[in-house]
C-alpha atoms as a PDB file:
ATOM      1  CA  GLN A   1     158.861 104.531  81.181  1.00  0.00           C
ATOM      2  CA  VAL A   2     158.483 104.722  84.956  1.00  0.00           C
ATOM      3  CA  GLN A   3     158.036 107.886  86.968  1.00  0.00           C
ATOM      4  CA  LEU A   4     158.714 108.321  90.662  1.00  0.00           C
ATOM      5  CA  VAL A   5     157.483 111.311  92.577  1.00  0.00           C
ATOM      6  CA  GLU A   6     158.830 111.919  96.082  1.00  0.00           C
ATOM      7  CA  SER A   7     157.318 114.148  98.706  1.00  0.00           C
ATOM      8  CA  GLY A   8     157.495 114.842 102.403  1.00  0.00           C
ATOM      9  CA  GLY A   9     160.899 116.417 102.793  1.00  0.00           C
ATOM     10  CA  GLY A  10     161.502 119.623 104.660  1.00  0.00           C
ATOM     11  CA  LEU A  11     163.177 121.324 107.580  1.00  0.00           C
ATOM     12  CA  VAL A  12     162.891 119.697 111.018  1.00  0.00           C
ATOM     13  CA  GLN A  13     164.617 120.122 114.351  1.00  0.00           C
ATOM     14  CA  VAL A  14     166.819 117.536 115.962  1.00  0.00           C
ATOM     15  CA  GLY A  15     164.741 114.743 117.398  1.00  0.00           C
ATOM     16  CA  GLY A  16     161.843 115.440 115.082  1.00  0.00           C
ATOM     17  CA  SER A  17     160.173 113.173 112.518  1.00  0.00           C
ATOM     18  CA  LEU A  18     159.381 113.213 108.833  1.00  0.00           C
ATOM     19  CA  ARG A  19     157.623 110.805 106.529  1.00  0.00           C
ATOM     20  CA  LEU A  20     158.762 110.581 102.939  1.00  0.00           C
ATOM     21  CA  SER A  21     156.540 109.205 100.203  1.00  0.00           C
ATOM     22  CA  CYS A  22     157.447 107.899  96.753  1.00  0.00           C
ATOM     23  CA  ALA A  23     154.659 107.261  94.265  1.00  0.00           C
ATOM     24  CA  ALA A  24     155.507 105.113  91.228  1.00  0.00           C
ATOM     25  CA  SER A  25     153.627 105.171  87.960  1.00  0.00           C
ATOM     26  CA  GLY A  26     154.025 104.103  84.375  1.00  0.00           C
ATOM     27  CA  MET A  27     155.141 100.801  82.833  1.00  0.00           C
ATOM     28  CA  ILE A  28     155.619  98.691  85.942  1.00  0.00           C
ATOM     29  CA  PHE A  29     155.250  95.005  85.171  1.00  0.00           C
ATOM     30  CA  GLY A  30     155.835  92.154  87.525  1.00  0.00           C
ATOM     31  CA  ILE A  31     157.534  92.339  90.873  1.00  0.00           C
ATOM     32  CA  TYR A  32     159.728  95.159  92.024  1.00  0.00           C
ATOM     33  CA  ASN A  33     161.808  96.261  94.940  1.00  0.00           C
ATOM     34  CA  MET A  34     162.030  99.808  96.257  1.00  0.00           C
ATOM     35  CA  GLY A  35     164.632 101.717  98.183  1.00  0.00           C
ATOM     36  CA  TRP A  36     165.572 105.061  99.660  1.00  0.00           C
ATOM     37  CA  TYR A  37     168.993 106.555  99.183  1.00  0.00           C
ATOM     38  CA  ARG A  38     170.505 109.829 100.314  1.00  0.00           C
ATOM     39  CA  GLN A  39     173.280 112.106  99.238  1.00  0.00           C
ATOM     40  CA  ALA A  40     174.784 114.763 101.444  1.00  0.00           C
ATOM     41  CA  PRO A  41     176.904 117.605 100.040  1.00  0.00           C
ATOM     42  CA  GLY A  42     180.355 116.338  99.075  1.00  0.00           C
ATOM     43  CA  LYS A  43     179.474 112.731  99.727  1.00  0.00           C
ATOM     44  CA  GLN A  44     178.482 109.752  97.647  1.00  0.00           C
ATOM     45  CA  ARG A  45     174.934 108.558  97.403  1.00  0.00           C
ATOM     46  CA  GLU A  46     174.268 105.836  99.928  1.00  0.00           C
ATOM     47  CA  LEU A  47     171.554 103.300 100.598  1.00  0.00           C
ATOM     48  CA  VAL A  48     169.356 104.211 103.528  1.00  0.00           C
ATOM     49  CA  ALA A  49     166.717 101.501 103.414  1.00  0.00           C
ATOM     50  CA  ARG A  50     165.424  98.918 100.943  1.00  0.00           C
ATOM     51  CA  ILE A  51     162.411  96.659 100.815  1.00  0.00           C
ATOM     52  CA  THR A  52     161.895  93.714  98.510  1.00  0.00           C
ATOM     53  CA  ASN A  53     158.660  92.634  96.879  1.00  0.00           C
ATOM     54  CA  GLY A  54     158.461  89.935  99.519  1.00  0.00           C
ATOM     55  CA  GLY A  55     158.773  92.451 102.359  1.00  0.00           C
ATOM     56  CA  THR A  56     162.373  91.852 103.349  1.00  0.00           C
ATOM     57  CA  THR A  57     163.985  95.043 104.595  1.00  0.00           C
ATOM     58  CA  ASN A  58     167.509  96.180 105.167  1.00  0.00           C
ATOM     59  CA  TYR A  59     168.806  99.428 106.619  1.00  0.00           C
ATOM     60  CA  GLU A  60     172.013 101.411 106.784  1.00  0.00           C
ATOM     61  CA  ASP A  61     173.491 100.956 110.245  1.00  0.00           C
ATOM     62  CA  SER A  62     173.111 104.555 111.392  1.00  0.00           C
ATOM     63  CA  VAL A  63     169.339 104.612 110.785  1.00  0.00           C
ATOM     64  CA  LYS A  64     168.448 101.235 112.288  1.00  0.00           C
ATOM     65  CA  GLY A  65     165.827 101.667 114.984  1.00  0.00           C
ATOM     66  CA  ARG A  66     164.981 105.185 113.812  1.00  0.00           C
ATOM     67  CA  PHE A  67     163.826 104.769 110.176  1.00  0.00           C
ATOM     68  CA  THR A  68     161.199 102.399 108.828  1.00  0.00           C
ATOM     69  CA  ILE A  69     160.563 101.609 105.164  1.00  0.00           C
ATOM     70  CA  SER A  70     157.205 100.317 104.011  1.00  0.00           C
ATOM     71  CA  THR A  71     155.188 100.009 100.851  1.00  0.00           C
ATOM     72  CA  ASP A  72     151.574 100.080  99.788  1.00  0.00           C
ATOM     73  CA  ASN A  73     151.603  97.857  96.714  1.00  0.00           C
ATOM     74  CA  ALA A  74     148.049  98.781  95.740  1.00  0.00           C
ATOM     75  CA  LYS A  75     149.149 102.414  95.486  1.00  0.00           C
ATOM     76  CA  ARG A  76     152.672 101.551  94.251  1.00  0.00           C
ATOM     77  CA  THR A  77     153.972 103.857  96.915  1.00  0.00           C
ATOM     78  CA  ALA A  78     156.951 103.506  99.241  1.00  0.00           C
ATOM     79  CA  TYR A  79     157.311 105.334 102.508  1.00  0.00           C
ATOM     80  CA  LEU A  80     160.182 106.179 104.764  1.00  0.00           C
ATOM     81  CA  GLN A  81     159.223 107.053 108.305  1.00  0.00           C
ATOM     82  CA  MET A  82     162.113 108.888 109.923  1.00  0.00           C
ATOM     83  CA  ASN A  83     162.119 109.414 113.684  1.00  0.00           C
ATOM     84  CA  ASN A  84     164.640 110.948 116.054  1.00  0.00           C
ATOM     85  CA  LEU A  85     166.304 112.801 113.246  1.00  0.00           C
ATOM     86  CA  LYS A  86     169.878 113.956 113.619  1.00  0.00           C
ATOM     87  CA  PRO A  87     171.878 116.681 111.842  1.00  0.00           C
ATOM     88  CA  GLU A  88     173.849 113.965 110.017  1.00  0.00           C
ATOM     89  CA  ASP A  89     170.588 112.834 108.371  1.00  0.00           C
ATOM     90  CA  THR A  90     170.595 116.046 106.356  1.00  0.00           C
ATOM     91  CA  ALA A  91     170.713 115.162 102.680  1.00  0.00           C
ATOM     92  CA  VAL A  92     168.756 114.879  99.480  1.00  0.00           C
ATOM     93  CA  TYR A  93     166.719 111.706  99.677  1.00  0.00           C
ATOM     94  CA  TYR A  94     166.098 109.728  96.515  1.00  0.00           C
ATOM     95  CA  CYS A  95     163.652 106.931  95.834  1.00  0.00           C
ATOM     96  CA  LYS A  96     164.570 104.066  93.528  1.00  0.00           C
ATOM     97  CA  ILE A  97     162.492 101.277  92.036  1.00  0.00           C
ATOM     98  CA  GLU A  98     164.090  98.068  90.781  1.00  0.00           C
ATOM     99  CA  LEU A  99     162.068  96.221  88.160  1.00  0.00           C
ATOM    100  CA  VAL A 100     163.000  92.584  88.604  1.00  0.00           C
ATOM    101  CA  LEU A 101     161.791  91.230  85.237  1.00  0.00           C
ATOM    102  CA  THR A 102     163.423  93.879  83.044  1.00  0.00           C
ATOM    103  CA  ARG A 103     166.338  94.553  85.411  1.00  0.00           C
ATOM    104  CA  HIS A 104     165.804  98.280  84.983  1.00  0.00           C
ATOM    105  CA  ASP A 105     166.103 100.776  87.798  1.00  0.00           C
ATOM    106  CA  TYR A 106     164.484 104.202  87.945  1.00  0.00           C
ATOM    107  CA  TRP A 107     165.155 107.152  90.252  1.00  0.00           C
ATOM    108  CA  GLY A 108     163.027 109.937  91.608  1.00  0.00           C
ATOM    109  CA  GLN A 109     164.020 113.574  91.482  1.00  0.00           C
ATOM    110  CA  GLY A 110     164.949 113.748  95.173  1.00  0.00           C
ATOM    111  CA  THR A 111     163.576 115.570  98.178  1.00  0.00           C
ATOM    112  CA  GLN A 112     165.590 117.684 100.582  1.00  0.00           C
ATOM    113  CA  VAL A 113     165.681 116.797 104.270  1.00  0.00           C
ATOM    114  CA  THR A 114     167.343 119.289 106.582  1.00  0.00           C
ATOM    115  CA  VAL A 115     167.752 118.672 110.308  1.00  0.00           C
ATOM    116  CA  SER A 116     168.656 121.746 112.278  1.00  0.00           C
ATOM    117  CA  SER A 117     170.324 121.795 115.669  1.00  0.00           C
END
């Protein structure tokens, strides 16, 4: 089993910043990719940012230039630095790990991000 623990969410004003963390533990063998997703009330979960084991990143269009995903492989932790936050960024943010060898994905429990205007 693999466990993901997210932290760093909270309430922030428009234009503010937050840094989310996602610590992975458990049976993680081989290479893996990690990503951040979000789900706003009444909407489907969407990809926000993803980083491969090789460091390739991709972002949802609305967060490009404002959000940065990174990983510390020694700590098996992914980060999402969110700057210039907007009310439309309000959502529950979920971390996901993709285990390449076993083709299994695991999700974190989610952390709430609320941007107030």
